[in-house]
Amino acid sequence: MIDDLLKIITLIAVFGTIFLISQVALDWSFSKSAHVRAINKRLKMIREGSTREEIMARLRKATPQQMANLPSFMVGPVLRLQKTIMTAGLPINASQIMFVMMGAFVLVMALILLGIGGAGLAFSAGIFVLALVIALCAAVFLPLMVISSIAQRRRKRVEEQFPVALDVFVRALRAGHPIASAIELLTTEMEDPIGSEFGIVADEVAYGAELTDALSAMAERWDLEDIRMFVVSLAVQNETGGNLAEILQNLSEVIRARASLYMKVRALSSEGRMTGWMLTILPIATFLGLFSVNPEFYLSVAGESMFIIGFICLLALYAIGFFWIRSLVNLKV
């Protein structure tokens, strides 16, 4: 009886010790991560001793730029890629991304062709087209989807942060701060990505740019109507006068009401959006799963003369369905 009681007490003591150690470790980890999140990228660079010129160069490294040396049909896609990279906050530019994707495409294509040759299969136009599509999906489309997903997540984060930034801006105005000082306050109080974005605005104004022009450039970079309304409010108040704090307070309430309506619409349309995602992913998942388990299922018919025509028609139908489903589930509020 005494031995059993000692075992129970020992187990309870071990459990309590492990529980206390884990709580201390988790509390330290959460407090450290919260401290890191509370400092935006621009303030980190200032703390590291970077000059304002270096900060501007690094924060605006991926800003979309016109490329006059490109063919006209490539200008639009390259600009969209630059904008996506800028929104994603990646420390690389579009030319570097394209170079990496080209290298990955060549590598994946070579591995697939070597694998097919090692399996003893005869090369044909159909097999080459199949390998080409797989290499394109793995080396080009998949990285682009990942970058686009990161960019969309950061853009939503800016949309969530902007009403809070307006509240801080309004409090600063009511406390007697001028507009430039209120924006400088946002650069120290707001987390990324909007904290560094307002830091870019503050640096541009410090170098002599007009405040409305700097804010308009920020709105164009992120393509957000909320920031455009903020710029219009500042411009109108600058021309006509009025209580800017009250105007921006009303704007913050309108933005929050629209965000609430948008979330309700997303909740009501969640079933349709999930169906769209499943219909989009299921064919690719089925192809990859079957190809990884039994490659002969596709490679055995890839040598047929009708394979190329049928495969291209299948890709065209999939692309039409993808854009059709996306247009149906992309709701505007």
C-alpha atoms as a PDB file:
ATOM      1  CA  MET A   1       0.000   0.000   0.000  1.00  0.00           C
ATOM      2  CA  ILE A   2       2.811   2.405   0.921  1.00  0.00           C
ATOM      3  CA  ASP A   3       4.706   1.497  -2.263  1.00  0.00           C
ATOM      4  CA  ASP A   4       1.667   2.250  -4.412  1.00  0.00           C
ATOM      5  CA  LEU A   5       1.158   5.570  -2.640  1.00  0.00           C
ATOM      6  CA  LEU A   6       4.808   6.499  -3.206  1.00  0.00           C
ATOM      7  CA  LYS A   7       4.496   5.621  -6.908  1.00  0.00           C
ATOM      8  CA  ILE A   8       1.400   7.813  -7.242  1.00  0.00           C
ATOM      9  CA  ILE A   9       3.103  10.720  -5.462  1.00  0.00           C
ATOM     10  CA  THR A  10       6.205  10.308  -7.661  1.00  0.00           C
ATOM     11  CA  LEU A  11       4.126  10.289 -10.848  1.00  0.00           C
ATOM     12  CA  ILE A  12       2.216  13.379  -9.695  1.00  0.00           C
ATOM     13  CA  ALA A  13       5.489  15.146  -8.878  1.00  0.00           C
ATOM     14  CA  VAL A  14       6.968  14.247 -12.287  1.00  0.00           C
ATOM     15  CA  PHE A  15       3.809  15.425 -14.040  1.00  0.00           C
ATOM     16  CA  GLY A  16       3.767  18.683 -12.084  1.00  0.00           C
ATOM     17  CA  THR A  17       7.443  19.328 -12.815  1.00  0.00           C
ATOM     18  CA  ILE A  18       7.034  18.725 -16.556  1.00  0.00           C
ATOM     19  CA  PHE A  19       3.873  20.836 -16.601  1.00  0.00           C
ATOM     20  CA  LEU A  20       5.558  23.780 -14.864  1.00  0.00           C
ATOM     21  CA  ILE A  21       8.631  23.588 -17.122  1.00  0.00           C
ATOM     22  CA  SER A  22       6.439  23.490 -20.239  1.00  0.00           C
ATOM     23  CA  GLN A  23       4.385  26.454 -19.028  1.00  0.00           C
ATOM     24  CA  VAL A  24       7.508  28.504 -18.370  1.00  0.00           C
ATOM     25  CA  ALA A  25       8.939  27.590 -21.790  1.00  0.00           C
ATOM     26  CA  LEU A  26       5.666  28.397 -23.589  1.00  0.00           C
ATOM     27  CA  ASP A  27       5.290  31.689 -21.727  1.00  0.00           C
ATOM     28  CA  TRP A  28       8.847  32.696 -22.658  1.00  0.00           C
ATOM     29  CA  SER A  29       8.304  31.646 -26.282  1.00  0.00           C
ATOM     30  CA  PHE A  30       5.004  33.535 -26.615  1.00  0.00           C
ATOM     31  CA  SER A  31       6.373  36.673 -24.961  1.00  0.00           C
ATOM     32  CA  LYS A  32       9.427  36.618 -27.228  1.00  0.00           C
ATOM     33  CA  SER A  33       7.357  36.059 -30.379  1.00  0.00           C
ATOM     34  CA  ALA A  34       4.929  38.808 -29.372  1.00  0.00           C
ATOM     35  CA  HIS A  35       7.863  41.171 -28.889  1.00  0.00           C
ATOM     36  CA  VAL A  36       9.252  40.246 -32.296  1.00  0.00           C
ATOM     37  CA  ARG A  37       5.863  40.730 -33.968  1.00  0.00           C
ATOM     38  CA  ALA A  38       5.439  44.105 -32.295  1.00  0.00           C
ATOM     39  CA  ILE A  39       8.460  45.477 -34.177  1.00  0.00           C
ATOM     40  CA  ASN A  40       8.074  45.927 -37.914  1.00  0.00           C
ATOM     41  CA  LYS A  41      10.815  45.358 -40.459  1.00  0.00           C
ATOM     42  CA  ARG A  42      11.655  49.053 -40.838  1.00  0.00           C
ATOM     43  CA  LEU A  43      12.213  49.508 -37.094  1.00  0.00           C
ATOM     44  CA  LYS A  44      14.416  46.405 -37.042  1.00  0.00           C
ATOM     45  CA  MET A  45      16.618  47.921 -39.748  1.00  0.00           C
ATOM     46  CA  ILE A  46      16.757  51.227 -37.853  1.00  0.00           C
ATOM     47  CA  ARG A  47      17.789  49.352 -34.714  1.00  0.00           C
ATOM     48  CA  GLU A  48      20.515  47.584 -36.715  1.00  0.00           C
ATOM     49  CA  GLY A  49      21.939  50.975 -37.714  1.00  0.00           C
ATOM     50  CA  SER A  50      20.795  51.141 -41.347  1.00  0.00           C
ATOM     51  CA  THR A  51      20.545  54.574 -42.911  1.00  0.00           C
ATOM     52  CA  ARG A  52      17.310  55.945 -44.338  1.00  0.00           C
ATOM     53  CA  GLU A  53      18.617  55.452 -47.883  1.00  0.00           C
ATOM     54  CA  GLU A  54      19.408  51.782 -47.209  1.00  0.00           C
ATOM     55  CA  ILE A  55      16.013  51.237 -45.616  1.00  0.00           C
ATOM     56  CA  MET A  56      14.213  52.787 -48.584  1.00  0.00           C
ATOM     57  CA  ALA A  57      16.245  50.703 -51.037  1.00  0.00           C
ATOM     58  CA  ARG A  58      15.538  47.432 -49.223  1.00  0.00           C
ATOM     59  CA  LEU A  59      11.850  48.074 -48.597  1.00  0.00           C
ATOM     60  CA  ARG A  60      11.242  49.195 -52.177  1.00  0.00           C
ATOM     61  CA  LYS A  61      13.420  46.549 -53.807  1.00  0.00           C
ATOM     62  CA  ALA A  62      10.445  44.661 -55.256  1.00  0.00           C
ATOM     63  CA  THR A  63       8.428  47.741 -56.229  1.00  0.00           C
ATOM     64  CA  PRO A  64       6.963  47.211 -59.740  1.00  0.00           C
ATOM     65  CA  GLN A  65       9.006  48.931 -62.439  1.00  0.00           C
ATOM     66  CA  GLN A  66       8.412  49.438 -66.132  1.00  0.00           C
ATOM     67  CA  MET A  67      10.596  47.269 -68.390  1.00  0.00           C
ATOM     68  CA  ALA A  68      10.924  48.920 -71.781  1.00  0.00           C
ATOM     69  CA  ASN A  69      13.231  46.212 -73.157  1.00  0.00           C
ATOM     70  CA  LEU A  70      10.575  43.501 -72.925  1.00  0.00           C
ATOM     71  CA  PRO A  71       8.152  42.596 -75.732  1.00  0.00           C
ATOM     72  CA  SER A  72       4.729  44.201 -75.411  1.00  0.00           C
ATOM     73  CA  PHE A  73       2.949  40.897 -74.703  1.00  0.00           C
ATOM     74  CA  MET A  74       5.249  40.221 -71.707  1.00  0.00           C
ATOM     75  CA  VAL A  75       4.955  43.632 -70.035  1.00  0.00           C
ATOM     76  CA  GLY A  76       1.574  42.929 -68.402  1.00  0.00           C
ATOM     77  CA  PRO A  77       2.443  39.492 -66.930  1.00  0.00           C
ATOM     78  CA  VAL A  78       5.834  40.732 -65.678  1.00  0.00           C
ATOM     79  CA  LEU A  79       4.253  43.758 -63.987  1.00  0.00           C
ATOM     80  CA  ARG A  80       1.667  41.519 -62.337  1.00  0.00           C
ATOM     81  CA  LEU A  81       4.450  39.212 -61.158  1.00  0.00           C
ATOM     82  CA  GLN A  82       6.376  42.188 -59.758  1.00  0.00           C
ATOM     83  CA  LYS A  83       3.285  43.403 -57.922  1.00  0.00           C
ATOM     84  CA  THR A  84       2.632  39.932 -56.496  1.00  0.00           C
ATOM     85  CA  ILE A  85       6.240  39.634 -55.278  1.00  0.00           C
ATOM     86  CA  MET A  86       6.035  43.101 -53.702  1.00  0.00           C
ATOM     87  CA  THR A  87       2.762  42.227 -51.953  1.00  0.00           C
ATOM     88  CA  ALA A  88       4.226  38.939 -50.717  1.00  0.00           C
ATOM     89  CA  GLY A  89       7.147  40.832 -49.163  1.00  0.00           C
ATOM     90  CA  LEU A  90       9.818  38.603 -50.705  1.00  0.00           C
ATOM     91  CA  PRO A  91      13.392  39.970 -50.686  1.00  0.00           C
ATOM     92  CA  ILE A  92      13.879  39.199 -54.408  1.00  0.00           C
ATOM     93  CA  ASN A  93      12.749  40.735 -57.672  1.00  0.00           C
ATOM     94  CA  ALA A  94      10.902  39.393 -60.694  1.00  0.00           C
ATOM     95  CA  SER A  95      14.027  38.694 -62.768  1.00  0.00           C
ATOM     96  CA  GLN A  96      15.512  36.558 -59.994  1.00  0.00           C
ATOM     97  CA  ILE A  97      12.241  34.635 -59.595  1.00  0.00           C
ATOM     98  CA  MET A  98      12.065  33.961 -63.352  1.00  0.00           C
ATOM     99  CA  PHE A  99      15.706  32.846 -63.416  1.00  0.00           C
ATOM    100  CA  VAL A 100      15.111  30.388 -60.556  1.00  0.00           C
ATOM    101  CA  MET A 101      11.951  29.045 -62.207  1.00  0.00           C
ATOM    102  CA  MET A 102      13.777  28.553 -65.504  1.00  0.00           C
ATOM    103  CA  GLY A 103      16.554  26.628 -63.752  1.00  0.00           C
ATOM    104  CA  ALA A 104      14.031  24.509 -61.845  1.00  0.00           C
ATOM    105  CA  PHE A 105      12.136  23.800 -65.072  1.00  0.00           C
ATOM    106  CA  VAL A 106      15.280  22.576 -66.824  1.00  0.00           C
ATOM    107  CA  LEU A 107      16.223  20.431 -63.813  1.00  0.00           C
ATOM    108  CA  VAL A 108      12.767  18.848 -63.436  1.00  0.00           C
ATOM    109  CA  MET A 109      12.495  18.254 -67.173  1.00  0.00           C
ATOM    110  CA  ALA A 110      15.896  16.556 -67.233  1.00  0.00           C
ATOM    111  CA  LEU A 111      15.025  14.337 -64.257  1.00  0.00           C
ATOM    112  CA  ILE A 112      11.727  13.262 -65.824  1.00  0.00           C
ATOM    113  CA  LEU A 113      13.346  12.439 -69.171  1.00  0.00           C
ATOM    114  CA  LEU A 114      16.168  10.538 -67.442  1.00  0.00           C
ATOM    115  CA  GLY A 115      13.615   8.596 -65.416  1.00  0.00           C
ATOM    116  CA  ILE A 116      11.634   7.703 -68.533  1.00  0.00           C
ATOM    117  CA  GLY A 117      14.823   6.693 -70.345  1.00  0.00           C
ATOM    118  CA  GLY A 118      15.948   4.614 -67.359  1.00  0.00           C
ATOM    119  CA  ALA A 119      12.615   2.792 -67.362  1.00  0.00           C
ATOM    120  CA  GLY A 120      13.305   1.624 -70.918  1.00  0.00           C
ATOM    121  CA  LEU A 121      10.410   3.480 -72.527  1.00  0.00           C
ATOM    122  CA  ALA A 122      10.686   4.795 -76.066  1.00  0.00           C
ATOM    123  CA  PHE A 123      10.569   8.574 -76.409  1.00  0.00           C
ATOM    124  CA  SER A 124       7.699  10.052 -78.387  1.00  0.00           C
ATOM    125  CA  ALA A 125       6.067  13.435 -78.892  1.00  0.00           C
ATOM    126  CA  GLY A 126       3.299  12.536 -76.444  1.00  0.00           C
ATOM    127  CA  ILE A 127       5.750  11.560 -73.703  1.00  0.00           C
ATOM    128  CA  PHE A 128       7.696  14.777 -74.283  1.00  0.00           C
ATOM    129  CA  VAL A 129       4.489  16.871 -74.021  1.00  0.00           C
ATOM    130  CA  LEU A 130       3.493  15.039 -70.824  1.00  0.00           C
ATOM    131  CA  ALA A 131       6.933  15.632 -69.305  1.00  0.00           C
ATOM    132  CA  LEU A 132       6.807  19.277 -70.405  1.00  0.00           C
ATOM    133  CA  VAL A 133       3.456  19.865 -68.680  1.00  0.00           C
ATOM    134  CA  ILE A 134       4.607  18.154 -65.459  1.00  0.00           C
ATOM    135  CA  ALA A 135       7.814  20.221 -65.410  1.00  0.00           C
ATOM    136  CA  LEU A 136       5.881  23.448 -66.015  1.00  0.00           C
ATOM    137  CA  CYS A 137       3.449  22.679 -63.198  1.00  0.00           C
ATOM    138  CA  ALA A 138       6.223  21.746 -60.747  1.00  0.00           C
ATOM    139  CA  ALA A 139       8.701  24.515 -61.597  1.00  0.00           C
ATOM    140  CA  VAL A 140       6.465  27.431 -62.658  1.00  0.00           C
ATOM    141  CA  PHE A 141       2.803  27.166 -61.694  1.00  0.00           C
ATOM    142  CA  LEU A 142       3.326  25.699 -58.220  1.00  0.00           C
ATOM    143  CA  PRO A 143       5.807  28.440 -57.117  1.00  0.00           C
ATOM    144  CA  LEU A 144       3.519  31.104 -58.591  1.00  0.00           C
ATOM    145  CA  MET A 145       0.571  29.694 -56.635  1.00  0.00           C
ATOM    146  CA  VAL A 146       2.620  29.728 -53.415  1.00  0.00           C
ATOM    147  CA  ILE A 147       3.771  33.333 -53.987  1.00  0.00           C
ATOM    148  CA  SER A 148       0.212  34.398 -54.836  1.00  0.00           C
ATOM    149  CA  SER A 149      -1.106  32.744 -51.675  1.00  0.00           C
ATOM    150  CA  ILE A 150       1.478  34.565 -49.525  1.00  0.00           C
ATOM    151  CA  ALA A 151       0.651  37.863 -51.257  1.00  0.00           C
ATOM    152  CA  GLN A 152      -3.083  37.387 -50.737  1.00  0.00           C
ATOM    153  CA  ARG A 153      -2.560  36.612 -47.063  1.00  0.00           C
ATOM    154  CA  ARG A 154      -0.460  39.768 -46.542  1.00  0.00           C
ATOM    155  CA  ARG A 155      -3.001  41.848 -48.455  1.00  0.00           C
ATOM    156  CA  LYS A 156      -5.763  40.617 -46.180  1.00  0.00           C
ATOM    157  CA  ARG A 157      -3.555  41.465 -43.233  1.00  0.00           C
ATOM    158  CA  VAL A 158      -3.248  45.048 -44.487  1.00  0.00           C
ATOM    159  CA  GLU A 159      -7.025  45.235 -44.868  1.00  0.00           C
ATOM    160  CA  GLU A 160      -7.429  44.093 -41.263  1.00  0.00           C
ATOM    161  CA  GLN A 161      -4.787  46.496 -39.960  1.00  0.00           C
ATOM    162  CA  PHE A 162      -5.950  49.600 -41.796  1.00  0.00           C
ATOM    163  CA  PRO A 163      -9.009  50.426 -39.582  1.00  0.00           C
ATOM    164  CA  VAL A 164      -6.775  50.078 -36.512  1.00  0.00           C
ATOM    165  CA  ALA A 165      -4.228  52.375 -38.155  1.00  0.00           C
ATOM    166  CA  LEU A 166      -7.001  54.906 -38.788  1.00  0.00           C
ATOM    167  CA  ASP A 167      -7.975  54.783 -35.111  1.00  0.00           C
ATOM    168  CA  VAL A 168      -4.357  55.460 -34.069  1.00  0.00           C
ATOM    169  CA  PHE A 169      -4.180  58.254 -36.645  1.00  0.00           C
ATOM    170  CA  VAL A 170      -7.412  59.833 -35.331  1.00  0.00           C
ATOM    171  CA  ARG A 171      -6.220  59.666 -31.708  1.00  0.00           C
ATOM    172  CA  ALA A 172      -2.955  61.343 -32.706  1.00  0.00           C
ATOM    173  CA  LEU A 173      -4.824  64.157 -34.485  1.00  0.00           C
ATOM    174  CA  ARG A 174      -7.122  64.704 -31.504  1.00  0.00           C
ATOM    175  CA  ALA A 175      -4.064  64.803 -29.233  1.00  0.00           C
ATOM    176  CA  GLY A 176      -2.721  67.712 -31.280  1.00  0.00           C
ATOM    177  CA  HIS A 177      -0.216  65.992 -33.567  1.00  0.00           C
ATOM    178  CA  PRO A 178       0.125  67.257 -37.159  1.00  0.00           C
ATOM    179  CA  ILE A 179      -0.560  64.840 -40.015  1.00  0.00           C
ATOM    180  CA  ALA A 180       3.122  64.089 -40.671  1.00  0.00           C
ATOM    181  CA  SER A 181       3.715  63.367 -36.980  1.00  0.00           C
ATOM    182  CA  ALA A 182       0.622  61.132 -36.857  1.00  0.00           C
ATOM    183  CA  ILE A 183       1.946  59.084 -39.778  1.00  0.00           C
ATOM    184  CA  GLU A 184       5.343  58.842 -38.067  1.00  0.00           C
ATOM    185  CA  LEU A 185       3.501  57.499 -35.025  1.00  0.00           C
ATOM    186  CA  LEU A 186       1.969  54.735 -37.173  1.00  0.00           C
ATOM    187  CA  THR A 187       5.435  53.624 -38.231  1.00  0.00           C
ATOM    188  CA  THR A 188       6.342  52.887 -34.600  1.00  0.00           C
ATOM    189  CA  GLU A 189       3.009  51.569 -33.324  1.00  0.00           C
ATOM    190  CA  MET A 190       1.831  49.289 -36.146  1.00  0.00           C
ATOM    191  CA  GLU A 191       3.120  45.847 -37.036  1.00  0.00           C
ATOM    192  CA  ASP A 192       4.069  44.685 -40.499  1.00  0.00           C
ATOM    193  CA  PRO A 193       3.114  44.917 -43.235  1.00  0.00           C
ATOM    194  CA  ILE A 194       1.318  48.243 -42.757  1.00  0.00           C
ATOM    195  CA  GLY A 195       3.882  49.597 -40.292  1.00  0.00           C
ATOM    196  CA  SER A 196       6.695  49.416 -42.846  1.00  0.00           C
ATOM    197  CA  GLU A 197       4.387  50.743 -45.568  1.00  0.00           C
ATOM    198  CA  PHE A 198       3.636  53.874 -43.579  1.00  0.00           C
ATOM    199  CA  GLY A 199       7.369  54.034 -42.896  1.00  0.00           C
ATOM    200  CA  ILE A 200       7.968  54.225 -46.651  1.00  0.00           C
ATOM    201  CA  VAL A 201       5.410  57.036 -46.829  1.00  0.00           C
ATOM    202  CA  ALA A 202       7.115  58.898 -43.985  1.00  0.00           C
ATOM    203  CA  ASP A 203      10.534  58.531 -45.650  1.00  0.00           C
ATOM    204  CA  GLU A 204       9.190  59.713 -49.019  1.00  0.00           C
ATOM    205  CA  VAL A 205       7.659  62.780 -47.365  1.00  0.00           C
ATOM    206  CA  ALA A 206      10.957  63.427 -45.575  1.00  0.00           C
ATOM    207  CA  TYR A 207      12.687  63.427 -48.985  1.00  0.00           C
ATOM    208  CA  GLY A 208      10.281  66.054 -50.292  1.00  0.00           C
ATOM    209  CA  ALA A 209       7.387  64.118 -51.828  1.00  0.00           C
ATOM    210  CA  GLU A 210       3.809  65.329 -51.357  1.00  0.00           C
ATOM    211  CA  LEU A 211       1.908  63.439 -48.665  1.00  0.00           C
ATOM    212  CA  THR A 212      -1.046  62.675 -50.924  1.00  0.00           C
ATOM    213  CA  ASP A 213       1.278  61.431 -53.680  1.00  0.00           C
ATOM    214  CA  ALA A 214       3.122  59.122 -51.288  1.00  0.00           C
ATOM    215  CA  LEU A 215      -0.160  57.752 -49.909  1.00  0.00           C
ATOM    216  CA  SER A 216      -1.557  57.353 -53.449  1.00  0.00           C
ATOM    217  CA  ALA A 217       1.526  55.326 -54.380  1.00  0.00           C
ATOM    218  CA  MET A 218       0.917  53.140 -51.323  1.00  0.00           C
ATOM    219  CA  ALA A 219      -2.697  52.613 -52.367  1.00  0.00           C
ATOM    220  CA  GLU A 220      -1.615  51.640 -55.886  1.00  0.00           C
ATOM    221  CA  ARG A 221       1.001  49.225 -54.563  1.00  0.00           C
ATOM    222  CA  TRP A 222      -1.605  47.337 -52.553  1.00  0.00           C
ATOM    223  CA  ASP A 223      -4.614  48.074 -54.804  1.00  0.00           C
ATOM    224  CA  LEU A 224      -6.894  48.813 -51.827  1.00  0.00           C
ATOM    225  CA  GLU A 225      -9.938  51.047 -52.035  1.00  0.00           C
ATOM    226  CA  ASP A 226      -9.780  51.739 -48.293  1.00  0.00           C
ATOM    227  CA  ILE A 227      -6.419  53.476 -48.645  1.00  0.00           C
ATOM    228  CA  ARG A 228      -7.668  55.359 -51.713  1.00  0.00           C
ATOM    229  CA  MET A 229     -10.614  56.684 -49.678  1.00  0.00           C
ATOM    230  CA  PHE A 230      -8.148  57.734 -46.980  1.00  0.00           C
ATOM    231  CA  VAL A 231      -6.099  59.631 -49.579  1.00  0.00           C
ATOM    232  CA  VAL A 232      -9.230  61.296 -50.985  1.00  0.00           C
ATOM    233  CA  SER A 233     -10.303  62.330 -47.472  1.00  0.00           C
ATOM    234  CA  LEU A 234      -6.920  63.934 -46.823  1.00  0.00           C
ATOM    235  CA  ALA A 235      -6.940  65.692 -50.198  1.00  0.00           C
ATOM    236  CA  VAL A 236     -10.479  67.044 -49.773  1.00  0.00           C
ATOM    237  CA  GLN A 237      -9.797  68.202 -46.219  1.00  0.00           C
ATOM    238  CA  ASN A 238      -6.605  69.905 -47.390  1.00  0.00           C
ATOM    239  CA  GLU A 239      -8.571  71.822 -50.050  1.00  0.00           C
ATOM    240  CA  THR A 240     -11.789  72.613 -48.183  1.00  0.00           C
ATOM    241  CA  GLY A 241     -10.909  72.302 -44.495  1.00  0.00           C
ATOM    242  CA  GLY A 242     -13.004  70.583 -41.843  1.00  0.00           C
ATOM    243  CA  ASN A 243     -12.597  68.226 -38.937  1.00  0.00           C
ATOM    244  CA  LEU A 244     -10.227  65.585 -40.331  1.00  0.00           C
ATOM    245  CA  ALA A 245     -10.391  63.449 -37.175  1.00  0.00           C
ATOM    246  CA  GLU A 246     -14.163  63.151 -37.439  1.00  0.00           C
ATOM    247  CA  ILE A 247     -13.983  62.375 -41.173  1.00  0.00           C
ATOM    248  CA  LEU A 248     -11.462  59.596 -40.632  1.00  0.00           C
ATOM    249  CA  GLN A 249     -13.434  58.229 -37.678  1.00  0.00           C
ATOM    250  CA  ASN A 250     -16.487  57.893 -39.938  1.00  0.00           C
ATOM    251  CA  LEU A 251     -14.308  56.302 -42.614  1.00  0.00           C
ATOM    252  CA  SER A 252     -13.037  53.737 -40.111  1.00  0.00           C
ATOM    253  CA  GLU A 253     -16.614  52.840 -39.164  1.00  0.00           C
ATOM    254  CA  VAL A 254     -17.579  52.453 -42.838  1.00  0.00           C
ATOM    255  CA  ILE A 255     -14.574  50.188 -43.488  1.00  0.00           C
ATOM    256  CA  ARG A 256     -15.420  47.991 -40.502  1.00  0.00           C
ATOM    257  CA  ALA A 257     -19.087  47.765 -41.551  1.00  0.00           C
ATOM    258  CA  ARG A 258     -18.076  46.741 -45.064  1.00  0.00           C
ATOM    259  CA  ALA A 259     -15.634  44.164 -43.683  1.00  0.00           C
ATOM    260  CA  SER A 260     -18.409  42.735 -41.514  1.00  0.00           C
ATOM    261  CA  LEU A 261     -20.715  42.487 -44.531  1.00  0.00           C
ATOM    262  CA  TYR A 262     -17.928  40.835 -46.528  1.00  0.00           C
ATOM    263  CA  MET A 263     -17.412  38.191 -43.845  1.00  0.00           C
ATOM    264  CA  LYS A 264     -21.144  37.458 -43.807  1.00  0.00           C
ATOM    265  CA  VAL A 265     -21.123  37.017 -47.582  1.00  0.00           C
ATOM    266  CA  ARG A 266     -18.111  34.699 -47.341  1.00  0.00           C
ATOM    267  CA  ALA A 267     -19.856  32.646 -44.661  1.00  0.00           C
ATOM    268  CA  LEU A 268     -22.979  32.292 -46.815  1.00  0.00           C
ATOM    269  CA  SER A 269     -20.934  31.370 -49.884  1.00  0.00           C
ATOM    270  CA  SER A 270     -18.482  29.054 -48.100  1.00  0.00           C
ATOM    271  CA  GLU A 271     -20.089  25.901 -49.499  1.00  0.00           C
ATOM    272  CA  GLY A 272     -19.788  27.135 -53.085  1.00  0.00           C
ATOM    273  CA  ARG A 273     -16.192  28.262 -52.597  1.00  0.00           C
ATOM    274  CA  MET A 274     -15.207  24.924 -51.053  1.00  0.00           C
ATOM    275  CA  THR A 275     -16.878  23.115 -53.943  1.00  0.00           C
ATOM    276  CA  GLY A 276     -14.910  25.269 -56.367  1.00  0.00           C
ATOM    277  CA  TRP A 277     -11.637  24.454 -54.592  1.00  0.00           C
ATOM    278  CA  MET A 278     -12.412  20.729 -54.618  1.00  0.00           C
ATOM    279  CA  LEU A 279     -13.311  20.745 -58.320  1.00  0.00           C
ATOM    280  CA  THR A 280     -10.074  22.604 -59.040  1.00  0.00           C
ATOM    281  CA  ILE A 281      -7.743  20.453 -56.934  1.00  0.00           C
ATOM    282  CA  LEU A 282      -9.322  17.026 -57.460  1.00  0.00           C
ATOM    283  CA  PRO A 283      -8.221  16.490 -61.105  1.00  0.00           C
ATOM    284  CA  ILE A 284      -4.620  17.475 -60.302  1.00  0.00           C
ATOM    285  CA  ALA A 285      -4.526  15.343 -57.157  1.00  0.00           C
ATOM    286  CA  THR A 286      -5.985  12.385 -59.060  1.00  0.00           C
ATOM    287  CA  PHE A 287      -3.436  12.737 -61.866  1.00  0.00           C
ATOM    288  CA  LEU A 288      -0.461  13.057 -59.519  1.00  0.00           C
ATOM    289  CA  GLY A 289      -1.612  10.188 -57.304  1.00  0.00           C
ATOM    290  CA  LEU A 290      -2.236   7.817 -60.189  1.00  0.00           C
ATOM    291  CA  PHE A 291       0.977   8.833 -61.960  1.00  0.00           C
ATOM    292  CA  SER A 292       3.055   8.248 -58.819  1.00  0.00           C
ATOM    293  CA  VAL A 293       1.465   4.824 -58.197  1.00  0.00           C
ATOM    294  CA  ASN A 294       1.233   3.568 -61.791  1.00  0.00           C
ATOM    295  CA  PRO A 295       3.126   5.721 -64.338  1.00  0.00           C
ATOM    296  CA  GLU A 296       2.497   3.139 -67.042  1.00  0.00           C
ATOM    297  CA  PHE A 297      -1.191   4.116 -67.015  1.00  0.00           C
ATOM    298  CA  TYR A 298      -0.292   7.386 -68.786  1.00  0.00           C
ATOM    299  CA  LEU A 299       3.041   6.534 -70.384  1.00  0.00           C
ATOM    300  CA  SER A 300       1.632   3.493 -72.182  1.00  0.00           C
ATOM    301  CA  VAL A 301      -0.813   5.661 -74.141  1.00  0.00           C
ATOM    302  CA  ALA A 302       1.467   8.693 -74.477  1.00  0.00           C
ATOM    303  CA  GLY A 303       2.908   7.220 -77.654  1.00  0.00           C
ATOM    304  CA  GLU A 304      -0.451   7.184 -79.432  1.00  0.00           C
ATOM    305  CA  SER A 305      -1.016   9.728 -82.202  1.00  0.00           C
ATOM    306  CA  MET A 306      -4.220  11.083 -80.620  1.00  0.00           C
ATOM    307  CA  PHE A 307      -2.656  11.592 -77.189  1.00  0.00           C
ATOM    308  CA  ILE A 308      -1.286  15.061 -77.905  1.00  0.00           C
ATOM    309  CA  ILE A 309      -4.599  16.364 -79.287  1.00  0.00           C
ATOM    310  CA  GLY A 310      -6.615  14.829 -76.466  1.00  0.00           C
ATOM    311  CA  PHE A 311      -4.173  16.004 -73.786  1.00  0.00           C
ATOM    312  CA  ILE A 312      -4.128  19.585 -75.102  1.00  0.00           C
ATOM    313  CA  CYS A 313      -7.946  19.649 -75.301  1.00  0.00           C
ATOM    314  CA  LEU A 314      -8.098  18.310 -71.735  1.00  0.00           C
ATOM    315  CA  LEU A 315      -5.776  21.091 -70.497  1.00  0.00           C
ATOM    316  CA  ALA A 316      -7.833  23.710 -72.353  1.00  0.00           C
ATOM    317  CA  LEU A 317     -11.088  22.431 -70.789  1.00  0.00           C
ATOM    318  CA  TYR A 318      -9.465  22.410 -67.348  1.00  0.00           C
ATOM    319  CA  ALA A 319      -8.257  26.014 -67.797  1.00  0.00           C
ATOM    320  CA  ILE A 320     -11.748  27.118 -68.894  1.00  0.00           C
ATOM    321  CA  GLY A 321     -13.303  25.400 -65.881  1.00  0.00           C
ATOM    322  CA  PHE A 322     -10.721  26.897 -63.529  1.00  0.00           C
ATOM    323  CA  PHE A 323     -11.335  30.497 -64.632  1.00  0.00           C
ATOM    324  CA  TRP A 324     -15.096  29.939 -64.780  1.00  0.00           C
ATOM    325  CA  ILE A 325     -15.229  28.591 -61.216  1.00  0.00           C
ATOM    326  CA  ARG A 326     -12.952  31.396 -60.025  1.00  0.00           C
ATOM    327  CA  SER A 327     -15.232  34.033 -61.550  1.00  0.00           C
ATOM    328  CA  LEU A 328     -18.253  32.427 -59.846  1.00  0.00           C
ATOM    329  CA  VAL A 329     -16.720  32.306 -56.352  1.00  0.00           C
ATOM    330  CA  ASN A 330     -14.841  35.652 -56.530  1.00  0.00           C
ATOM    331  CA  LEU A 331     -17.463  37.809 -54.830  1.00  0.00           C
ATOM    332  CA  LYS A 332     -17.113  41.587 -54.667  1.00  0.00           C
ATOM    333  CA  VAL A 333     -18.509  43.559 -51.718  1.00  0.00           C
END
